[in-house]
Amino acid sequence: MEKGNTNFIAGYGKIFTPKDEKQLAKGIGLIIMLFGFESIIFSMLSLFFEGLSFYYGLLIALNFFAIFGLMIKDQVQGKS
């Protein structure tokens, strides 16, 4: 086998740099706290109702989309 140079740039480029880090951290923290509250509510409801796993999974996906939405909002608005 022939040895050669390979460009390995993992970790060198920044994919996401927040513009308003404090506001983004507040938003993501709020979503994480709401996710914890949703988890508590769904665990209690699952004792009484069957088939809630689909709706719980849907809420998980919505939480991820909300976090990505906050990241996009941060990049579009930036620091006011």
Protein backbone atom coordinates (compact mmCIF):
# COMPACT_ATOMS: atom_id res chain seq x y z
CA MET A 1 0.00 0.00 0.00
CA GLU A 2 1.09 3.46 -0.78
CA LYS A 3 1.31 5.95 2.06
CA GLY A 4 0.11 9.48 1.51
CA ASN A 5 -1.26 12.54 3.21
CA THR A 6 -4.88 12.59 4.15
CA ASN A 7 -6.72 15.75 5.09
CA PHE A 8 -8.45 15.19 8.38
CA ILE A 9 -10.31 18.31 9.38
CA ALA A 10 -12.63 16.96 12.07
CA GLY A 11 -12.72 19.47 14.87
CA TYR A 12 -10.95 22.23 12.96
CA GLY A 13 -13.98 23.93 11.43
CA LYS A 14 -16.68 25.49 13.53
CA ILE A 15 -20.13 24.37 12.48
CA PHE A 16 -22.16 26.56 14.82
CA THR A 17 -21.11 29.69 16.64
CA PRO A 18 -23.87 31.33 18.67
CA LYS A 19 -24.32 35.06 18.19
CA ASP A 20 -26.31 35.67 21.39
CA GLU A 21 -25.11 32.87 23.63
CA LYS A 22 -26.92 34.01 26.77
CA GLN A 23 -30.35 34.15 25.13
CA LEU A 24 -29.77 30.83 23.36
CA ALA A 25 -28.75 29.17 26.63
CA LYS A 26 -31.92 30.47 28.32
CA GLY A 27 -34.10 29.11 25.52
CA ILE A 28 -32.44 25.71 25.42
CA GLY A 29 -32.56 25.49 29.22
CA LEU A 30 -36.28 26.22 29.15
CA ILE A 31 -36.88 23.51 26.55
CA ILE A 32 -34.88 21.00 28.60
CA MET A 33 -36.88 21.85 31.73
CA LEU A 34 -40.13 21.47 29.79
CA PHE A 35 -38.92 18.12 28.48
CA GLY A 36 -38.34 16.96 32.06
CA PHE A 37 -41.82 18.11 33.03
CA GLU A 38 -43.30 16.31 29.99
CA SER A 39 -41.43 13.15 30.97
CA ILE A 40 -42.87 13.26 34.48
CA ILE A 41 -46.40 13.84 33.18
CA PHE A 42 -46.13 11.04 30.57
CA SER A 43 -44.73 8.57 33.08
CA MET A 44 -47.71 9.22 35.37
CA LEU A 45 -50.21 9.06 32.51
CA SER A 46 -48.74 5.81 31.23
CA LEU A 47 -49.90 4.14 34.45
CA PHE A 48 -53.52 4.81 33.47
CA PHE A 49 -53.46 4.84 29.65
CA GLU A 50 -51.91 2.50 27.09
CA GLY A 51 -50.30 3.52 23.81
CA LEU A 52 -48.85 6.86 24.83
CA SER A 53 -45.39 6.02 23.55
CA PHE A 54 -46.15 7.41 20.07
CA TYR A 55 -47.17 10.77 21.54
CA TYR A 56 -44.16 10.83 23.84
CA GLY A 57 -41.90 10.18 20.85
CA LEU A 58 -43.67 12.96 18.98
CA LEU A 59 -42.99 15.36 21.85
CA ILE A 60 -39.33 14.35 21.86
CA ALA A 61 -39.10 15.15 18.15
CA LEU A 62 -40.86 18.48 18.70
CA ASN A 63 -38.38 19.35 21.45
CA PHE A 64 -35.47 18.67 19.10
CA PHE A 65 -37.07 20.80 16.40
CA ALA A 66 -37.64 23.57 18.94
CA ILE A 67 -33.94 23.53 19.87
CA PHE A 68 -32.94 23.62 16.20
CA GLY A 69 -35.43 26.45 15.69
CA LEU A 70 -33.78 28.42 18.48
CA MET A 71 -30.40 27.84 16.87
CA ILE A 72 -31.68 29.06 13.51
CA LYS A 73 -33.34 32.07 15.16
CA ASP A 74 -30.03 32.90 16.84
CA GLN A 75 -28.20 32.85 13.54
CA VAL A 76 -30.82 34.92 11.72
CA GLN A 77 -31.41 37.56 14.40
CA GLY A 78 -28.02 37.75 16.03
CA LYS A 79 -27.29 40.25 18.74
CA SER A 80 -29.76 43.12 18.90
